[in-house]
C-alpha atoms as a PDB file:
ATOM      1  CA  UNK A   1      14.300   0.922  -4.520  1.00  0.00           C
ATOM      2  CA  UNK A   2      14.915   4.544  -5.443  1.00  0.00           C
ATOM      3  CA  UNK A   3      11.230   5.200  -6.113  1.00  0.00           C
ATOM      4  CA  UNK A   4      10.390   3.579  -2.784  1.00  0.00           C
ATOM      5  CA  UNK A   5      12.699   5.989  -0.996  1.00  0.00           C
ATOM      6  CA  UNK A   6      11.016   8.958  -2.690  1.00  0.00           C
ATOM      7  CA  UNK A   7       7.599   7.607  -1.712  1.00  0.00           C
ATOM      8  CA  UNK A   8       8.711   6.973   1.868  1.00  0.00           C
ATOM      9  CA  UNK A   9       9.587  10.640   2.278  1.00  0.00           C
ATOM     10  CA  UNK A  10       5.900  11.571   2.042  1.00  0.00           C
ATOM     11  CA  UNK A  11       4.163   8.391   3.286  1.00  0.00           C
ATOM     12  CA  UNK A  12       2.603   8.149   6.738  1.00  0.00           C
ATOM     13  CA  UNK A  13       1.851   4.625   7.968  1.00  0.00           C
ATOM     14  CA  UNK A  14      -0.644   5.636  10.638  1.00  0.00           C
ATOM     15  CA  UNK A  15      -3.998   3.878  10.211  1.00  0.00           C
ATOM     16  CA  UNK A  16      -5.926   7.132  10.222  1.00  0.00           C
ATOM     17  CA  UNK A  17      -3.735   8.989   7.701  1.00  0.00           C
ATOM     18  CA  UNK A  18      -2.310   6.309   5.389  1.00  0.00           C
ATOM     19  CA  UNK A  19      -4.867   6.828   2.619  1.00  0.00           C
ATOM     20  CA  UNK A  20      -4.643  10.607   2.820  1.00  0.00           C
ATOM     21  CA  UNK A  21      -0.856  10.415   2.538  1.00  0.00           C
ATOM     22  CA  UNK A  22      -1.236   8.402  -0.690  1.00  0.00           C
ATOM     23  CA  UNK A  23      -3.687  11.009  -1.973  1.00  0.00           C
ATOM     24  CA  UNK A  24      -1.189  13.716  -0.976  1.00  0.00           C
ATOM     25  CA  UNK A  25       1.584  11.959  -2.910  1.00  0.00           C
ATOM     26  CA  UNK A  26      -0.568  11.614  -6.028  1.00  0.00           C
ATOM     27  CA  UNK A  27      -2.082  15.114  -5.943  1.00  0.00           C
ATOM     28  CA  UNK A  28       0.313  17.502  -4.222  1.00  0.00           C
ATOM     29  CA  UNK A  29       3.850  16.131  -4.686  1.00  0.00           C
ATOM     30  CA  UNK A  30       5.464  17.095  -7.995  1.00  0.00           C
ATOM     31  CA  UNK A  31       5.262  14.008 -10.233  1.00  0.00           C
ATOM     32  CA  UNK A  32       4.163  11.950  -7.209  1.00  0.00           C
ATOM     33  CA  UNK A  33       1.664  10.067  -9.338  1.00  0.00           C
ATOM     34  CA  UNK A  34       4.456   9.173 -11.763  1.00  0.00           C
ATOM     35  CA  UNK A  35       6.784   8.010  -9.015  1.00  0.00           C
ATOM     36  CA  UNK A  36       4.032   5.857  -7.495  1.00  0.00           C
ATOM     37  CA  UNK A  37       3.194   4.278 -10.856  1.00  0.00           C
ATOM     38  CA  UNK A  38       6.868   3.706 -11.658  1.00  0.00           C
ATOM     39  CA  UNK A  39       7.276   2.000  -8.274  1.00  0.00           C
ATOM     40  CA  UNK A  40       4.307  -0.309  -8.849  1.00  0.00           C
ATOM     41  CA  UNK A  41       5.249  -1.149 -12.450  1.00  0.00           C
ATOM     42  CA  UNK A  42       8.903  -1.609 -11.514  1.00  0.00           C
ATOM     43  CA  UNK A  43       7.952  -4.139  -8.854  1.00  0.00           C
ATOM     44  CA  UNK A  44       5.775  -6.020 -11.325  1.00  0.00           C
ATOM     45  CA  UNK A  45       8.548  -6.021 -13.937  1.00  0.00           C
ATOM     46  CA  UNK A  46      11.013  -7.269 -11.298  1.00  0.00           C
ATOM     47  CA  UNK A  47       8.794 -10.276 -10.570  1.00  0.00           C
ATOM     48  CA  UNK A  48       8.318 -10.978 -14.269  1.00  0.00           C
ATOM     49  CA  UNK A  49      12.111 -11.129 -14.591  1.00  0.00           C
ATOM     50  CA  UNK A  50      12.318 -13.444 -11.579  1.00  0.00           C
ATOM     51  CA  UNK A  51       9.710 -15.812 -13.042  1.00  0.00           C
ATOM     52  CA  UNK A  52      11.495 -15.838 -16.400  1.00  0.00           C
ATOM     53  CA  UNK A  53      14.729 -16.644 -14.594  1.00  0.00           C
ATOM     54  CA  UNK A  54      13.056 -19.536 -12.749  1.00  0.00           C
ATOM     55  CA  UNK A  55      11.590 -20.803 -16.029  1.00  0.00           C
ATOM     56  CA  UNK A  56      15.008 -20.693 -17.655  1.00  0.00           C
ATOM     57  CA  UNK A  57      16.463 -22.608 -14.707  1.00  0.00           C
ATOM     58  CA  UNK A  58      13.785 -25.279 -15.034  1.00  0.00           C
ATOM     59  CA  UNK A  59      14.320 -25.527 -18.795  1.00  0.00           C
ATOM     60  CA  UNK A  60      18.082 -25.972 -18.499  1.00  0.00           C
ATOM     61  CA  UNK A  61      17.916 -28.305 -15.492  1.00  0.00           C
ATOM     62  CA  UNK A  62      19.566 -25.972 -13.014  1.00  0.00           C
ATOM     63  CA  UNK A  63      17.567 -27.622 -10.225  1.00  0.00           C
ATOM     64  CA  UNK A  64      20.109 -30.458 -10.331  1.00  0.00           C
ATOM     65  CA  UNK A  65      22.561 -28.174  -8.519  1.00  0.00           C
ATOM     66  CA  UNK A  66      20.811 -28.518  -5.169  1.00  0.00           C
ATOM     67  CA  UNK A  67      22.647 -25.857  -3.161  1.00  0.00           C
ATOM     68  CA  UNK A  68      22.361 -23.176  -5.829  1.00  0.00           C
ATOM     69  CA  UNK A  69      18.705 -24.007  -6.442  1.00  0.00           C
ATOM     70  CA  UNK A  70      17.870 -23.943  -2.715  1.00  0.00           C
ATOM     71  CA  UNK A  71      19.538 -20.542  -2.329  1.00  0.00           C
ATOM     72  CA  UNK A  72      17.459 -19.289  -5.257  1.00  0.00           C
ATOM     73  CA  UNK A  73      14.260 -20.587  -3.666  1.00  0.00           C
ATOM     74  CA  UNK A  74      15.168 -18.888  -0.373  1.00  0.00           C
ATOM     75  CA  UNK A  75      15.827 -15.619  -2.232  1.00  0.00           C
ATOM     76  CA  UNK A  76      12.488 -15.969  -4.038  1.00  0.00           C
ATOM     77  CA  UNK A  77      10.644 -16.447  -0.753  1.00  0.00           C
ATOM     78  CA  UNK A  78      12.426 -13.477   0.836  1.00  0.00           C
ATOM     79  CA  UNK A  79      11.567 -11.346  -2.185  1.00  0.00           C
ATOM     80  CA  UNK A  80       7.923 -12.403  -2.006  1.00  0.00           C
ATOM     81  CA  UNK A  81       7.768 -11.588   1.706  1.00  0.00           C
ATOM     82  CA  UNK A  82       9.315  -8.179   1.088  1.00  0.00           C
ATOM     83  CA  UNK A  83       6.836  -7.506  -1.721  1.00  0.00           C
ATOM     84  CA  UNK A  84       3.956  -8.505   0.564  1.00  0.00           C
ATOM     85  CA  UNK A  85       5.094  -6.057   3.228  1.00  0.00           C
ATOM     86  CA  UNK A  86       5.390  -3.333   0.598  1.00  0.00           C
ATOM     87  CA  UNK A  87       1.904  -4.145  -0.697  1.00  0.00           C
ATOM     88  CA  UNK A  88       0.395  -4.044   2.797  1.00  0.00           C
ATOM     89  CA  UNK A  89       1.929  -0.652   3.488  1.00  0.00           C
END
């Protein structure tokens, strides 16, 4: 989240200037390329942790606790939707 805030300070979401703002972040902002890569790799690592957590829940039979499992599925879907919006930006 912290890297996303740093990126948002320099990002422009206008259709005409979105790509140039990414180029500006990578080329002109001090360590902008590093912040962008940390943001992308951090998001990937976060989803790896989520999938490992789901796998552990399946292995130990946590799906038998319906309410807890359903809340986890809802959180997974919300996380995936948030990641999609971040990817589209």
